[in-house]
Each structure stands twice: as structure tokens, then as C-alpha cells.
Amino acid sequence: MEGADDIYRACSLQRGGSSLWTNNVSDAFSKSSRDEDDEEALKWAALERLPTFNRLQKGLLATSKGANEIYIQKLGFHERKGLLERLIDVSEEDNEKFLKKLKSRIER
């Protein structure tokens, strides 16, 4: 029986070791995204502490490079138009998702 226990322990160590390695790799990538999320949250918190008038003039624009602080009044016509279109698209998607969920709940 001791031989069977040794084999079982060896197999469980192999399985445990591979999952440990996999977890470490996934943690390495998730930590960088958490750091980016934390940095963006700090920027939002700093903007929220501004007086109301200043808050209306500044915003965070999410891009592929991360969130950048922008001054709304300094945006050009095309940049403002693009920003408004993005905001409208997001709100339409949110409304669509909400209505679909509501419909599915009613149908239950």
C-alpha cells in the first residue's frame, strides 16, 4: 500500500505543480491590468475632488494606451463630435442590454 500512496502523492504533486505554474503566469498578467485599473481609479478620484466647474472642464478619455486627462474646451470640432458619438453609442448599448434583460425577466 505504501507504494500506491507514493505514486498518488507524486501524481498529485505533478498536478499541483502545473496548476501552481499556471496560476503564477495568469497572476503576472492580471497584476498589470489591476495596476492600470488602480491608476485609472486614482485619476477619477482626483477629478472628483475638483470643484464642480473644473470637473466640467476636464475628463478622462480611455484609449488603447490607457486613460488620459483631457480638457473638454480645448477639443476641436471633430474630437468633440467623436466623443459625443462614443458617449451616445455606449448609452444606446446600455439601454439595449437593459431592455433585453427586462424582456427576459418578464417572459419567465
Protein backbone atom coordinates (compact mmCIF):
# COMPACT_ATOMS: atom_id res chain seq x y z
CA MET A 1 0.00 0.00 0.00
CA GLU A 2 2.85 2.38 0.68
CA GLY A 3 3.93 2.15 -2.97
CA ALA A 4 0.45 3.15 -4.12
CA ASP A 5 0.46 6.10 -1.72
CA ASP A 6 3.84 7.26 -3.05
CA ILE A 7 2.57 7.10 -6.64
CA TYR A 8 -0.58 9.01 -5.67
CA ARG A 9 1.50 11.70 -3.93
CA ALA A 10 3.81 12.03 -6.92
CA CYS A 11 0.87 12.40 -9.32
CA SER A 12 -0.84 14.93 -7.08
CA LEU A 13 2.41 16.91 -6.82
CA GLN A 14 2.68 16.98 -10.60
CA ARG A 15 -0.89 18.20 -10.96
CA GLY A 16 -0.46 20.71 -8.18
CA GLY A 17 2.80 21.96 -9.61
CA SER A 18 1.35 22.55 -13.05
CA SER A 19 -1.64 24.43 -11.65
CA LEU A 20 0.71 26.45 -9.46
CA TRP A 21 2.74 27.43 -12.53
CA THR A 22 -0.42 28.28 -14.48
CA ASN A 23 -1.73 30.41 -11.61
CA ASN A 24 1.56 32.32 -11.39
CA VAL A 25 1.50 33.09 -15.11
CA SER A 26 -2.10 34.29 -15.04
CA ASP A 27 -1.38 36.36 -11.91
CA ALA A 28 1.52 38.07 -13.65
CA PHE A 29 -0.76 39.37 -16.38
CA SER A 30 -3.69 40.18 -14.10
CA LYS A 31 -1.49 42.24 -11.78
CA SER A 32 -0.55 44.62 -14.58
CA SER A 33 -4.21 45.11 -15.50
CA ARG A 34 -5.05 45.65 -11.83
CA ASP A 35 -2.31 48.27 -11.62
CA GLU A 36 -3.76 50.05 -14.66
CA ASP A 37 -7.24 49.90 -13.14
CA ASP A 38 -5.90 51.29 -9.87
CA GLU A 39 -4.15 54.12 -11.70
CA GLU A 40 -7.33 55.00 -13.58
CA ALA A 41 -9.34 54.90 -10.34
CA LEU A 42 -6.85 57.31 -8.75
CA LYS A 43 -7.22 59.70 -11.70
CA TRP A 44 -11.03 59.59 -11.39
CA ALA A 45 -10.78 60.21 -7.65
CA ALA A 46 -8.56 63.24 -8.27
CA LEU A 47 -11.06 64.61 -10.79
CA GLU A 48 -13.96 64.07 -8.37
CA ARG A 49 -12.20 66.18 -5.73
CA LEU A 50 -12.07 69.18 -8.08
CA PRO A 51 -14.67 71.92 -7.71
CA THR A 52 -17.75 71.40 -9.90
CA PHE A 53 -16.80 73.97 -12.54
CA ASN A 54 -13.35 72.47 -13.04
CA ARG A 55 -14.84 68.97 -13.18
CA LEU A 56 -17.00 70.06 -16.10
CA GLN A 57 -13.92 71.21 -18.00
CA LYS A 58 -11.82 68.07 -17.52
CA GLY A 59 -12.39 64.41 -18.21
CA LEU A 60 -10.67 61.09 -18.72
CA LEU A 61 -10.59 59.65 -22.21
CA ALA A 62 -9.92 55.92 -22.38
CA THR A 63 -7.69 54.92 -25.29
CA SER A 64 -5.64 51.87 -26.15
CA LYS A 65 -2.71 53.47 -24.29
CA GLY A 66 -4.78 53.96 -21.13
CA ALA A 67 -6.81 56.79 -19.66
CA ASN A 68 -5.65 60.31 -20.44
CA GLU A 69 -6.82 63.51 -18.81
CA ILE A 70 -8.30 65.90 -21.37
CA TYR A 71 -9.66 69.43 -21.31
CA ILE A 72 -13.08 69.46 -22.93
CA GLN A 73 -12.88 73.11 -24.02
CA LYS A 74 -9.60 72.50 -25.85
CA LEU A 75 -11.02 69.72 -28.02
CA GLY A 76 -11.50 70.51 -31.68
CA PHE A 77 -14.80 70.16 -33.50
CA HIS A 78 -14.09 66.67 -34.84
CA GLU A 79 -12.75 65.46 -31.48
CA ARG A 80 -15.88 66.72 -29.69
CA LYS A 81 -18.11 65.14 -32.31
CA GLY A 82 -16.27 61.81 -31.96
CA LEU A 83 -16.51 61.96 -28.18
CA LEU A 84 -20.25 62.65 -28.27
CA GLU A 85 -20.82 59.82 -30.75
CA ARG A 86 -18.94 57.41 -28.48
CA LEU A 87 -21.00 58.50 -25.48
CA ILE A 88 -24.26 58.11 -27.38
CA ASP A 89 -23.26 54.66 -28.68
CA VAL A 90 -22.46 53.49 -25.16
CA SER A 91 -25.78 54.72 -23.80
CA GLU A 92 -27.68 53.05 -26.65
CA GLU A 93 -25.88 49.76 -25.97
CA ASP A 94 -26.64 50.05 -22.25
CA ASN A 95 -30.31 50.72 -22.93
CA GLU A 96 -30.47 47.80 -25.34
CA LYS A 97 -28.91 45.44 -22.79
CA PHE A 98 -31.27 46.68 -20.09
CA LEU A 99 -34.35 46.20 -22.27
CA LYS A 100 -33.27 42.69 -23.29
CA LYS A 101 -32.77 41.70 -19.64
CA LEU A 102 -36.11 43.21 -18.70
CA LYS A 103 -37.84 41.35 -21.53
CA SER A 104 -36.28 38.03 -20.50
CA ARG A 105 -37.40 38.58 -16.88
CA ILE A 106 -40.94 39.36 -17.95
CA GLU A 107 -41.07 36.28 -20.19
CA ARG A 108 -40.10 33.99 -17.28
